[in-house]
Amino acid sequence: KEGNADMSKFFDSRQHTMKIVNNSLYGALGAPGFRFHDLDNAESITLTGQQVIRHAMMKGNEWFTKQTGVDKEYVIYVDTDSNYFSAKPIIDLMESKMGKEMTKQEKIDVTYKTSQVVENYINASWDEFCKHYLNSDKHFLNIKQEYVSESGLWIAKKRYAQKIISEKGVLISQMTNGAKEWKLDVKGMDV
């Protein structure tokens, strides 16, 4: 966020390496040939991960319901470690109150702010979640907004494309000193 690209790349590589190590250990625990094979541990990792992502989805839906007054599913896509919400209901609500359509920049600003508020709302719920579901007073659970997209196309699980305007809390235009305002993120699709 401070603009140090080298440190950003370093810490991003570091967290990605830890993610690979953790996923590898999880896979090894489930493999019968692994010295420390323990199917119960492997299954508990899977089930805990599923419960965590479901909780984040439920809390996100809860926040949107409180804002809009409409109780429905606001998650547009769920992945192994991600929830994707649309800020469109908030934009529609604000435009309705203002009586006019927002500019593109206003919509981007609302989308970005909405992502931050929803992130904080979900993160405020982890203490209670961990106490109730994991019987733990200590935890390291913390979700972070990875992308804010202007638009996207989801075809199937792990097959989507999105026009990203912000990555990890930093606008693309800030990362590129205004040279580029967005980038394309494509998963599982031929481009």
N, C-alpha and C. Protein backbone atom coordinates (compact mmCIF):
# COMPACT_ATOMS: atom_id res chain seq x y z
N LYS A 1 0.82 -1.20 0.00
CA LYS A 1 0.00 0.00 0.00
C LYS A 1 0.86 1.26 0.00
N GLU A 2 2.05 1.18 0.55
CA GLU A 2 2.94 2.34 0.59
C GLU A 2 3.67 2.52 -0.73
N GLY A 3 3.52 1.60 -1.65
CA GLY A 3 4.13 1.75 -2.97
C GLY A 3 5.47 1.06 -3.14
N ASN A 4 5.89 0.25 -2.16
CA ASN A 4 7.16 -0.46 -2.26
C ASN A 4 6.92 -1.78 -3.01
N ALA A 5 7.13 -1.76 -4.32
CA ALA A 5 6.84 -2.92 -5.17
C ALA A 5 7.71 -4.12 -4.83
N ASP A 6 8.99 -3.88 -4.49
CA ASP A 6 9.88 -4.99 -4.16
C ASP A 6 9.43 -5.73 -2.91
N MET A 7 9.08 -4.98 -1.87
CA MET A 7 8.60 -5.62 -0.64
C MET A 7 7.25 -6.31 -0.86
N SER A 8 6.42 -5.71 -1.68
CA SER A 8 5.13 -6.32 -2.00
C SER A 8 5.32 -7.66 -2.68
N LYS A 9 6.22 -7.71 -3.65
CA LYS A 9 6.51 -8.97 -4.35
C LYS A 9 7.11 -10.00 -3.39
N PHE A 10 8.02 -9.54 -2.52
CA PHE A 10 8.66 -10.44 -1.56
C PHE A 10 7.63 -11.09 -0.64
N PHE A 11 6.77 -10.28 -0.02
CA PHE A 11 5.79 -10.82 0.92
C PHE A 11 4.70 -11.62 0.21
N ASP A 12 4.36 -11.25 -1.01
CA ASP A 12 3.39 -12.04 -1.77
C ASP A 12 3.97 -13.42 -2.08
N SER A 13 5.24 -13.47 -2.48
CA SER A 13 5.91 -14.75 -2.74
C SER A 13 5.99 -15.58 -1.46
N ARG A 14 6.27 -14.92 -0.38
CA ARG A 14 6.39 -15.62 0.91
C ARG A 14 5.06 -16.25 1.33
N GLN A 15 3.97 -15.48 1.24
CA GLN A 15 2.67 -16.03 1.63
C GLN A 15 2.24 -17.13 0.68
N HIS A 16 2.58 -16.99 -0.61
CA HIS A 16 2.23 -18.02 -1.59
C HIS A 16 3.00 -19.31 -1.30
N THR A 17 4.27 -19.18 -0.91
CA THR A 17 5.08 -20.35 -0.56
C THR A 17 4.48 -21.07 0.65
N MET A 18 4.06 -20.31 1.66
CA MET A 18 3.45 -20.93 2.85
C MET A 18 2.13 -21.62 2.49
N LYS A 19 1.39 -21.05 1.58
CA LYS A 19 0.14 -21.68 1.14
C LYS A 19 0.44 -23.02 0.49
N ILE A 20 1.46 -23.08 -0.35
CA ILE A 20 1.84 -24.33 -1.01
C ILE A 20 2.31 -25.36 0.01
N VAL A 21 3.14 -24.94 0.97
CA VAL A 21 3.63 -25.85 2.01
C VAL A 21 2.46 -26.41 2.81
N ASN A 22 1.55 -25.53 3.23
CA ASN A 22 0.39 -25.98 4.01
C ASN A 22 -0.49 -26.93 3.21
N ASN A 23 -0.74 -26.61 1.95
CA ASN A 23 -1.55 -27.50 1.12
C ASN A 23 -0.85 -28.84 0.90
N SER A 24 0.46 -28.82 0.77
CA SER A 24 1.21 -30.06 0.59
C SER A 24 1.12 -30.94 1.84
N LEU A 25 1.24 -30.33 3.00
CA LEU A 25 1.13 -31.10 4.24
C LEU A 25 -0.26 -31.71 4.37
N TYR A 26 -1.27 -30.92 4.04
CA TYR A 26 -2.63 -31.45 4.08
C TYR A 26 -2.74 -32.67 3.16
N GLY A 27 -2.21 -32.56 1.94
CA GLY A 27 -2.26 -33.68 1.00
C GLY A 27 -1.49 -34.89 1.50
N ALA A 28 -0.35 -34.64 2.11
CA ALA A 28 0.47 -35.74 2.62
C ALA A 28 -0.23 -36.46 3.78
N LEU A 29 -0.90 -35.72 4.64
CA LEU A 29 -1.61 -36.36 5.75
C LEU A 29 -2.65 -37.35 5.27
N GLY A 30 -3.22 -37.09 4.12
CA GLY A 30 -4.25 -37.98 3.57
C GLY A 30 -3.69 -39.13 2.77
N ALA A 31 -2.38 -39.14 2.52
CA ALA A 31 -1.76 -40.21 1.71
C ALA A 31 -1.33 -41.37 2.61
N PRO A 32 -1.83 -42.58 2.36
CA PRO A 32 -1.50 -43.73 3.20
C PRO A 32 0.01 -44.02 3.30
N GLY A 33 0.80 -43.66 2.31
CA GLY A 33 2.24 -43.93 2.35
C GLY A 33 3.03 -42.93 3.18
N PHE A 34 2.40 -41.85 3.62
CA PHE A 34 3.10 -40.82 4.40
C PHE A 34 3.28 -41.31 5.84
N ARG A 35 4.46 -41.12 6.37
CA ARG A 35 4.80 -41.59 7.72
C ARG A 35 3.79 -41.10 8.77
N PHE A 36 3.33 -39.88 8.63
CA PHE A 36 2.42 -39.30 9.62
C PHE A 36 0.97 -39.29 9.11
N HIS A 37 0.66 -40.21 8.22
CA HIS A 37 -0.69 -40.34 7.66
C HIS A 37 -1.72 -40.39 8.79
N ASP A 38 -2.72 -39.56 8.68
CA ASP A 38 -3.81 -39.55 9.65
C ASP A 38 -5.05 -39.01 8.95
N LEU A 39 -5.89 -39.91 8.55
CA LEU A 39 -7.07 -39.53 7.78
C LEU A 39 -7.99 -38.61 8.57
N ASP A 40 -8.08 -38.82 9.89
CA ASP A 40 -8.92 -37.93 10.71
C ASP A 40 -8.44 -36.48 10.63
N ASN A 41 -7.11 -36.28 10.71
CA ASN A 41 -6.57 -34.93 10.61
C ASN A 41 -6.82 -34.33 9.23
N ALA A 42 -6.61 -35.13 8.19
CA ALA A 42 -6.84 -34.64 6.83
C ALA A 42 -8.30 -34.24 6.64
N GLU A 43 -9.21 -35.07 7.11
CA GLU A 43 -10.64 -34.77 6.99
C GLU A 43 -11.02 -33.55 7.83
N SER A 44 -10.42 -33.42 9.01
CA SER A 44 -10.77 -32.27 9.85
C SER A 44 -10.29 -30.96 9.22
N ILE A 45 -9.17 -31.01 8.50
CA ILE A 45 -8.70 -29.82 7.80
C ILE A 45 -9.71 -29.42 6.72
N THR A 46 -10.16 -30.40 5.95
CA THR A 46 -11.15 -30.14 4.91
C THR A 46 -12.44 -29.58 5.50
N LEU A 47 -12.95 -30.24 6.52
CA LEU A 47 -14.22 -29.81 7.10
C LEU A 47 -14.12 -28.44 7.77
N THR A 48 -13.00 -28.16 8.42
CA THR A 48 -12.81 -26.85 9.04
C THR A 48 -12.75 -25.76 7.97
N GLY A 49 -12.00 -26.03 6.90
CA GLY A 49 -11.93 -25.07 5.80
C GLY A 49 -13.29 -24.79 5.20
N GLN A 50 -14.08 -25.84 5.01
CA GLN A 50 -15.43 -25.67 4.47
C GLN A 50 -16.31 -24.84 5.41
N GLN A 51 -16.19 -25.12 6.71
CA GLN A 51 -16.99 -24.38 7.69
C GLN A 51 -16.57 -22.90 7.73
N VAL A 52 -15.27 -22.63 7.62
CA VAL A 52 -14.78 -21.25 7.63
C VAL A 52 -15.33 -20.48 6.43
N ILE A 53 -15.26 -21.08 5.25
CA ILE A 53 -15.73 -20.38 4.04
C ILE A 53 -17.25 -20.21 4.08
N ARG A 54 -17.97 -21.20 4.64
CA ARG A 54 -19.43 -21.07 4.78
C ARG A 54 -19.78 -19.94 5.76
N HIS A 55 -19.02 -19.86 6.84
CA HIS A 55 -19.26 -18.80 7.82
C HIS A 55 -19.05 -17.43 7.19
N ALA A 56 -17.96 -17.27 6.44
CA ALA A 56 -17.69 -15.99 5.77
C ALA A 56 -18.81 -15.66 4.80
N MET A 57 -19.30 -16.66 4.08
CA MET A 57 -20.40 -16.45 3.14
C MET A 57 -21.66 -16.02 3.90
N MET A 58 -21.96 -16.70 5.00
CA MET A 58 -23.15 -16.37 5.79
C MET A 58 -23.06 -14.95 6.35
N LYS A 59 -21.90 -14.57 6.87
CA LYS A 59 -21.75 -13.23 7.44
C LYS A 59 -21.81 -12.16 6.34
N GLY A 60 -21.25 -12.44 5.19
CA GLY A 60 -21.35 -11.50 4.07
C GLY A 60 -22.80 -11.31 3.65
N ASN A 61 -23.53 -12.42 3.53
CA ASN A 61 -24.96 -12.34 3.19
C ASN A 61 -25.72 -11.56 4.26
N GLU A 62 -25.36 -11.79 5.52
CA GLU A 62 -26.00 -11.09 6.63
C GLU A 62 -25.79 -9.58 6.51
N TRP A 63 -24.56 -9.16 6.18
CA TRP A 63 -24.28 -7.73 6.04
C TRP A 63 -25.11 -7.12 4.91
N PHE A 64 -25.12 -7.78 3.75
CA PHE A 64 -25.89 -7.27 2.61
C PHE A 64 -27.38 -7.20 2.94
N THR A 65 -27.90 -8.21 3.65
CA THR A 65 -29.31 -8.22 4.03
C THR A 65 -29.63 -7.04 4.94
N LYS A 66 -28.74 -6.75 5.88
CA LYS A 66 -28.95 -5.60 6.77
C LYS A 66 -28.98 -4.29 5.99
N GLN A 67 -28.16 -4.18 4.96
CA GLN A 67 -28.08 -2.93 4.20
C GLN A 67 -29.28 -2.75 3.27
N THR A 68 -29.67 -3.85 2.62
CA THR A 68 -30.72 -3.76 1.59
C THR A 68 -32.12 -4.03 2.11
N GLY A 69 -32.21 -4.74 3.24
CA GLY A 69 -33.52 -5.14 3.75
C GLY A 69 -34.11 -6.32 3.01
N VAL A 70 -33.33 -6.93 2.11
CA VAL A 70 -33.80 -8.08 1.32
C VAL A 70 -32.95 -9.29 1.70
N ASP A 71 -33.61 -10.33 2.22
CA ASP A 71 -32.91 -11.55 2.65
C ASP A 71 -32.80 -12.50 1.47
N LYS A 72 -31.60 -12.56 0.89
CA LYS A 72 -31.37 -13.46 -0.23
C LYS A 72 -29.89 -13.81 -0.28
N GLU A 73 -29.50 -14.61 -1.24
CA GLU A 73 -28.11 -15.01 -1.43
C GLU A 73 -27.38 -13.92 -2.21
N TYR A 74 -26.37 -13.31 -1.59
CA TYR A 74 -25.61 -12.25 -2.24
C TYR A 74 -24.26 -12.73 -2.77
N VAL A 75 -23.87 -13.93 -2.41
CA VAL A 75 -22.61 -14.49 -2.91
C VAL A 75 -22.84 -14.92 -4.35
N ILE A 76 -21.96 -14.47 -5.25
CA ILE A 76 -22.13 -14.85 -6.65
C ILE A 76 -21.24 -16.03 -7.04
N TYR A 77 -20.21 -16.31 -6.21
CA TYR A 77 -19.32 -17.43 -6.50
C TYR A 77 -18.56 -17.79 -5.23
N VAL A 78 -18.40 -19.08 -4.97
CA VAL A 78 -17.64 -19.57 -3.82
C VAL A 78 -16.58 -20.52 -4.34
N ASP A 79 -15.37 -20.33 -3.89
CA ASP A 79 -14.27 -21.22 -4.24
C ASP A 79 -13.74 -21.84 -2.95
N THR A 80 -12.71 -22.63 -3.06
CA THR A 80 -12.14 -23.31 -1.90
C THR A 80 -11.79 -22.34 -0.78
N ASP A 81 -11.25 -21.20 -1.13
CA ASP A 81 -10.81 -20.25 -0.11
C ASP A 81 -11.31 -18.83 -0.38
N SER A 82 -12.39 -18.71 -1.12
CA SER A 82 -12.86 -17.38 -1.52
C SER A 82 -14.37 -17.30 -1.59
N ASN A 83 -14.87 -16.11 -1.32
CA ASN A 83 -16.26 -15.75 -1.58
C ASN A 83 -16.24 -14.53 -2.46
N TYR A 84 -17.12 -14.50 -3.45
CA TYR A 84 -17.24 -13.35 -4.34
C TYR A 84 -18.63 -12.76 -4.15
N PHE A 85 -18.65 -11.49 -3.77
CA PHE A 85 -19.90 -10.75 -3.59
C PHE A 85 -19.98 -9.66 -4.64
N SER A 86 -21.19 -9.30 -5.00
CA SER A 86 -21.40 -8.19 -5.92
C SER A 86 -21.84 -6.97 -5.12
N ALA A 87 -21.25 -5.82 -5.42
CA ALA A 87 -21.66 -4.57 -4.79
C ALA A 87 -22.87 -3.95 -5.49
N LYS A 88 -23.34 -4.58 -6.55
CA LYS A 88 -24.45 -4.02 -7.32
C LYS A 88 -25.68 -3.71 -6.46
N PRO A 89 -26.07 -4.58 -5.51
CA PRO A 89 -27.23 -4.23 -4.69
C PRO A 89 -27.03 -2.93 -3.89
N ILE A 90 -25.81 -2.66 -3.46
CA ILE A 90 -25.52 -1.44 -2.71
C ILE A 90 -25.54 -0.24 -3.65
N ILE A 91 -24.96 -0.41 -4.83
CA ILE A 91 -24.98 0.66 -5.83
C ILE A 91 -26.41 0.99 -6.22
N ASP A 92 -27.22 -0.06 -6.49
CA ASP A 92 -28.63 0.15 -6.86
C ASP A 92 -29.37 0.89 -5.75
N LEU A 93 -29.13 0.51 -4.50
CA LEU A 93 -29.78 1.15 -3.36
C LEU A 93 -29.38 2.63 -3.27
N MET A 94 -28.11 2.91 -3.44
CA MET A 94 -27.63 4.30 -3.37
C MET A 94 -28.18 5.13 -4.53
N GLU A 95 -28.21 4.55 -5.74
CA GLU A 95 -28.75 5.28 -6.89
C GLU A 95 -30.23 5.57 -6.68
N SER A 96 -30.94 4.62 -6.10
CA SER A 96 -32.36 4.81 -5.83
C SER A 96 -32.57 5.97 -4.85
N LYS A 97 -31.75 6.03 -3.82
CA LYS A 97 -31.86 7.11 -2.83
C LYS A 97 -31.47 8.46 -3.42
N MET A 98 -30.45 8.45 -4.31
CA MET A 98 -29.98 9.70 -4.93
C MET A 98 -30.90 10.16 -6.06
N GLY A 99 -31.62 9.20 -6.65
CA GLY A 99 -32.50 9.54 -7.76
C GLY A 99 -31.77 9.74 -9.07
N LYS A 100 -30.55 9.27 -9.16
CA LYS A 100 -29.79 9.37 -10.41
C LYS A 100 -28.74 8.26 -10.46
N GLU A 101 -28.26 8.02 -11.67
CA GLU A 101 -27.24 6.99 -11.86
C GLU A 101 -25.87 7.55 -11.47
N MET A 102 -25.09 6.72 -10.82
CA MET A 102 -23.74 7.11 -10.42
C MET A 102 -22.81 7.09 -11.62
N THR A 103 -21.73 7.84 -11.52
CA THR A 103 -20.69 7.78 -12.55
C THR A 103 -19.91 6.49 -12.36
N LYS A 104 -19.14 6.14 -13.37
CA LYS A 104 -18.31 4.94 -13.28
C LYS A 104 -17.37 5.03 -12.08
N GLN A 105 -16.74 6.18 -11.88
CA GLN A 105 -15.80 6.34 -10.76
C GLN A 105 -16.52 6.21 -9.42
N GLU A 106 -17.73 6.75 -9.32
CA GLU A 106 -18.50 6.62 -8.08
C GLU A 106 -18.82 5.15 -7.80
N LYS A 107 -19.17 4.40 -8.84
CA LYS A 107 -19.45 2.97 -8.67
C LYS A 107 -18.20 2.22 -8.22
N ILE A 108 -17.06 2.57 -8.79
CA ILE A 108 -15.79 1.94 -8.39
C ILE A 108 -15.52 2.25 -6.92
N ASP A 109 -15.69 3.50 -6.53
CA ASP A 109 -15.46 3.90 -5.14
C ASP A 109 -16.38 3.16 -4.18
N VAL A 110 -17.66 3.04 -4.53
CA VAL A 110 -18.63 2.33 -3.68
C VAL A 110 -18.26 0.85 -3.60
N THR A 111 -17.88 0.26 -4.72
CA THR A 111 -17.50 -1.15 -4.74
C THR A 111 -16.30 -1.39 -3.84
N TYR A 112 -15.30 -0.54 -3.97
CA TYR A 112 -14.09 -0.67 -3.16
C TYR A 112 -14.41 -0.51 -1.67
N LYS A 113 -15.18 0.51 -1.34
CA LYS A 113 -15.54 0.75 0.06
C LYS A 113 -16.39 -0.39 0.61
N THR A 114 -17.32 -0.89 -0.20
CA THR A 114 -18.16 -2.01 0.22
C THR A 114 -17.30 -3.23 0.55
N SER A 115 -16.30 -3.49 -0.29
CA SER A 115 -15.42 -4.65 -0.03
C SER A 115 -14.70 -4.50 1.31
N GLN A 116 -14.27 -3.31 1.63
CA GLN A 116 -13.58 -3.08 2.90
C GLN A 116 -14.52 -3.24 4.10
N VAL A 117 -15.72 -2.72 3.98
CA VAL A 117 -16.68 -2.80 5.08
C VAL A 117 -17.11 -4.26 5.30
N VAL A 118 -17.37 -4.99 4.23
CA VAL A 118 -17.76 -6.40 4.37
C VAL A 118 -16.61 -7.21 4.96
N GLU A 119 -15.39 -6.94 4.51
CA GLU A 119 -14.21 -7.62 5.06
C GLU A 119 -14.14 -7.40 6.58
N ASN A 120 -14.27 -6.17 7.02
CA ASN A 120 -14.22 -5.86 8.46
C ASN A 120 -15.37 -6.52 9.22
N TYR A 121 -16.54 -6.55 8.62
CA TYR A 121 -17.72 -7.16 9.25
C TYR A 121 -17.47 -8.66 9.48
N ILE A 122 -16.95 -9.33 8.46
CA ILE A 122 -16.68 -10.77 8.59
C ILE A 122 -15.56 -11.00 9.61
N ASN A 123 -14.49 -10.21 9.53
CA ASN A 123 -13.37 -10.41 10.44
C ASN A 123 -13.75 -10.18 11.90
N ALA A 124 -14.73 -9.32 12.15
CA ALA A 124 -15.18 -9.08 13.52
C ALA A 124 -15.91 -10.29 14.11
N SER A 125 -16.26 -11.26 13.28
CA SER A 125 -17.03 -12.41 13.75
C SER A 125 -16.18 -13.63 14.07
N TRP A 126 -14.88 -13.59 13.81
CA TRP A 126 -14.06 -14.81 13.96
C TRP A 126 -13.89 -15.25 15.41
N ASP A 127 -13.80 -14.32 16.36
CA ASP A 127 -13.63 -14.73 17.76
C ASP A 127 -14.79 -15.62 18.20
N GLU A 128 -15.99 -15.16 17.93
CA GLU A 128 -17.18 -15.94 18.31
C GLU A 128 -17.23 -17.27 17.55
N PHE A 129 -16.93 -17.24 16.26
CA PHE A 129 -16.92 -18.46 15.45
C PHE A 129 -15.94 -19.48 16.02
N CYS A 130 -14.72 -19.05 16.31
CA CYS A 130 -13.69 -19.97 16.80
C CYS A 130 -14.04 -20.53 18.17
N LYS A 131 -14.60 -19.70 19.02
CA LYS A 131 -15.02 -20.16 20.35
C LYS A 131 -16.11 -21.22 20.22
N HIS A 132 -17.09 -20.95 19.38
CA HIS A 132 -18.25 -21.84 19.24
C HIS A 132 -17.93 -23.12 18.46
N TYR A 133 -17.27 -22.99 17.31
CA TYR A 133 -17.08 -24.14 16.42
C TYR A 133 -15.74 -24.85 16.60
N LEU A 134 -14.72 -24.12 17.02
CA LEU A 134 -13.39 -24.72 17.12
C LEU A 134 -12.91 -24.86 18.57
N ASN A 135 -13.76 -24.43 19.52
CA ASN A 135 -13.42 -24.50 20.94
C ASN A 135 -12.06 -23.86 21.22
N SER A 136 -11.86 -22.69 20.65
CA SER A 136 -10.57 -22.02 20.76
C SER A 136 -10.75 -20.53 21.03
N ASP A 137 -9.97 -20.03 21.98
CA ASP A 137 -9.97 -18.59 22.25
C ASP A 137 -8.96 -17.86 21.39
N LYS A 138 -8.01 -18.59 20.82
CA LYS A 138 -6.97 -18.00 19.98
C LYS A 138 -7.12 -18.50 18.56
N HIS A 139 -6.89 -17.61 17.61
CA HIS A 139 -6.97 -17.99 16.20
C HIS A 139 -6.20 -16.99 15.37
N PHE A 140 -5.99 -17.37 14.12
CA PHE A 140 -5.31 -16.50 13.17
C PHE A 140 -6.20 -16.25 11.95
N LEU A 141 -7.49 -16.47 12.09
CA LEU A 141 -8.40 -16.29 10.97
C LEU A 141 -8.56 -14.81 10.66
N ASN A 142 -8.42 -14.49 9.40
CA ASN A 142 -8.56 -13.11 8.96
C ASN A 142 -8.72 -13.15 7.44
N ILE A 143 -9.84 -12.70 6.96
CA ILE A 143 -10.00 -12.67 5.51
C ILE A 143 -9.51 -11.33 4.98
N LYS A 144 -9.11 -11.35 3.73
CA LYS A 144 -8.64 -10.12 3.10
C LYS A 144 -9.24 -10.02 1.72
N GLN A 145 -9.58 -8.82 1.34
CA GLN A 145 -10.07 -8.57 -0.01
C GLN A 145 -8.90 -8.78 -0.95
N GLU A 146 -9.08 -9.69 -1.88
CA GLU A 146 -8.00 -9.94 -2.84
C GLU A 146 -8.19 -9.09 -4.09
N TYR A 147 -9.40 -9.12 -4.64
CA TYR A 147 -9.67 -8.36 -5.86
C TYR A 147 -10.96 -7.56 -5.72
N VAL A 148 -10.99 -6.43 -6.36
CA VAL A 148 -12.24 -5.72 -6.63
C VAL A 148 -12.31 -5.67 -8.15
N SER A 149 -13.40 -6.20 -8.67
CA SER A 149 -13.55 -6.28 -10.12
C SER A 149 -14.69 -5.40 -10.59
N GLU A 150 -14.49 -4.81 -11.73
CA GLU A 150 -15.54 -4.00 -12.34
C GLU A 150 -16.60 -4.90 -12.95
N SER A 151 -16.14 -6.01 -13.53
CA SER A 151 -17.06 -6.97 -14.14
C SER A 151 -16.40 -8.33 -14.17
N GLY A 152 -17.21 -9.35 -14.40
CA GLY A 152 -16.67 -10.70 -14.45
C GLY A 152 -17.60 -11.64 -15.17
N LEU A 153 -17.05 -12.78 -15.56
CA LEU A 153 -17.81 -13.83 -16.23
C LEU A 153 -17.45 -15.14 -15.56
N TRP A 154 -18.43 -15.80 -14.93
CA TRP A 154 -18.21 -17.09 -14.30
C TRP A 154 -18.96 -18.14 -15.11
N ILE A 155 -18.20 -19.09 -15.65
CA ILE A 155 -18.79 -20.14 -16.48
C ILE A 155 -19.07 -21.39 -15.66
N ALA A 156 -18.11 -21.77 -14.82
CA ALA A 156 -18.22 -22.95 -13.97
C ALA A 156 -17.18 -22.83 -12.87
N LYS A 157 -17.16 -23.79 -11.98
CA LYS A 157 -16.16 -23.81 -10.91
C LYS A 157 -14.76 -23.75 -11.51
N LYS A 158 -13.95 -22.85 -11.00
CA LYS A 158 -12.56 -22.66 -11.45
C LYS A 158 -12.45 -22.24 -12.91
N ARG A 159 -13.51 -21.69 -13.48
CA ARG A 159 -13.50 -21.19 -14.86
C ARG A 159 -14.20 -19.84 -14.90
N TYR A 160 -13.37 -18.80 -14.83
CA TYR A 160 -13.93 -17.45 -14.82
C TYR A 160 -12.90 -16.44 -15.28
N ALA A 161 -13.40 -15.26 -15.59
CA ALA A 161 -12.53 -14.13 -15.94
C ALA A 161 -13.13 -12.89 -15.28
N GLN A 162 -12.24 -12.00 -14.86
CA GLN A 162 -12.73 -10.77 -14.25
C GLN A 162 -11.81 -9.60 -14.59
N LYS A 163 -12.43 -8.44 -14.72
CA LYS A 163 -11.72 -7.19 -15.00
C LYS A 163 -11.42 -6.54 -13.65
N ILE A 164 -10.19 -6.68 -13.20
CA ILE A 164 -9.78 -6.25 -11.87
C ILE A 164 -9.39 -4.77 -11.88
N ILE A 165 -9.94 -4.04 -10.91
CA ILE A 165 -9.58 -2.62 -10.76
C ILE A 165 -8.75 -2.39 -9.50
N SER A 166 -8.76 -3.39 -8.58
CA SER A 166 -7.99 -3.29 -7.35
C SER A 166 -7.52 -4.67 -6.94
N GLU A 167 -6.28 -4.75 -6.50
CA GLU A 167 -5.73 -6.03 -6.06
C GLU A 167 -5.10 -5.85 -4.68
N LYS A 168 -5.56 -6.66 -3.74
CA LYS A 168 -5.05 -6.64 -2.37
C LYS A 168 -5.09 -5.24 -1.76
N GLY A 169 -6.19 -4.54 -2.03
CA GLY A 169 -6.40 -3.24 -1.43
C GLY A 169 -5.73 -2.07 -2.12
N VAL A 170 -5.09 -2.31 -3.25
CA VAL A 170 -4.42 -1.24 -3.98
C VAL A 170 -5.01 -1.15 -5.38
N LEU A 171 -5.40 0.05 -5.78
CA LEU A 171 -5.94 0.24 -7.12
C LEU A 171 -4.87 -0.08 -8.16
N ILE A 172 -5.25 -0.73 -9.25
CA ILE A 172 -4.32 -1.07 -10.33
C ILE A 172 -3.64 0.19 -10.84
N SER A 173 -4.38 1.28 -10.94
CA SER A 173 -3.80 2.54 -11.43
C SER A 173 -2.70 3.04 -10.50
N GLN A 174 -2.80 2.74 -9.20
CA GLN A 174 -1.74 3.13 -8.26
C GLN A 174 -0.51 2.24 -8.44
N MET A 175 -0.75 0.96 -8.75
CA MET A 175 0.37 0.02 -8.95
C MET A 175 1.16 0.36 -10.19
N THR A 176 0.49 0.93 -11.18
CA THR A 176 1.13 1.18 -12.48
C THR A 176 1.38 2.67 -12.71
N ASN A 177 1.28 3.46 -11.64
CA ASN A 177 1.44 4.92 -11.76
C ASN A 177 0.54 5.50 -12.84
N GLY A 178 -0.69 4.99 -12.91
CA GLY A 178 -1.68 5.51 -13.84
C GLY A 178 -1.54 4.99 -15.26
N ALA A 179 -0.53 4.14 -15.53
CA ALA A 179 -0.33 3.63 -16.88
C ALA A 179 -1.44 2.67 -17.29
N LYS A 180 -2.02 1.99 -16.33
CA LYS A 180 -3.06 1.02 -16.62
C LYS A 180 -4.11 1.15 -15.51
N GLU A 181 -5.38 1.05 -15.86
CA GLU A 181 -6.43 1.21 -14.87
C GLU A 181 -7.05 -0.11 -14.44
N TRP A 182 -6.78 -1.17 -15.17
CA TRP A 182 -7.34 -2.47 -14.81
C TRP A 182 -6.48 -3.57 -15.41
N LYS A 183 -6.69 -4.80 -14.93
CA LYS A 183 -6.02 -5.95 -15.52
C LYS A 183 -7.01 -7.11 -15.58
N LEU A 184 -6.72 -8.03 -16.44
CA LEU A 184 -7.60 -9.17 -16.65
C LEU A 184 -7.08 -10.37 -15.86
N ASP A 185 -7.95 -10.99 -15.06
CA ASP A 185 -7.63 -12.21 -14.30
C ASP A 185 -8.47 -13.32 -14.90
N VAL A 186 -7.81 -14.36 -15.40
CA VAL A 186 -8.52 -15.47 -16.04
C VAL A 186 -8.10 -16.77 -15.37
N LYS A 187 -9.06 -17.59 -15.01
CA LYS A 187 -8.80 -18.90 -14.41
C LYS A 187 -9.54 -19.97 -15.21
N GLY A 188 -8.80 -20.97 -15.68
CA GLY A 188 -9.40 -22.14 -16.29
C GLY A 188 -10.09 -21.93 -17.63
N MET A 189 -9.79 -20.84 -18.30
CA MET A 189 -10.41 -20.57 -19.59
C MET A 189 -9.31 -20.26 -20.62
N ASP A 190 -9.54 -20.65 -21.86
CA ASP A 190 -8.64 -20.29 -22.93
C ASP A 190 -8.89 -18.85 -23.34
N VAL A 191 -7.82 -18.10 -23.50
CA VAL A 191 -7.96 -16.70 -23.87
C VAL A 191 -7.17 -16.45 -25.15
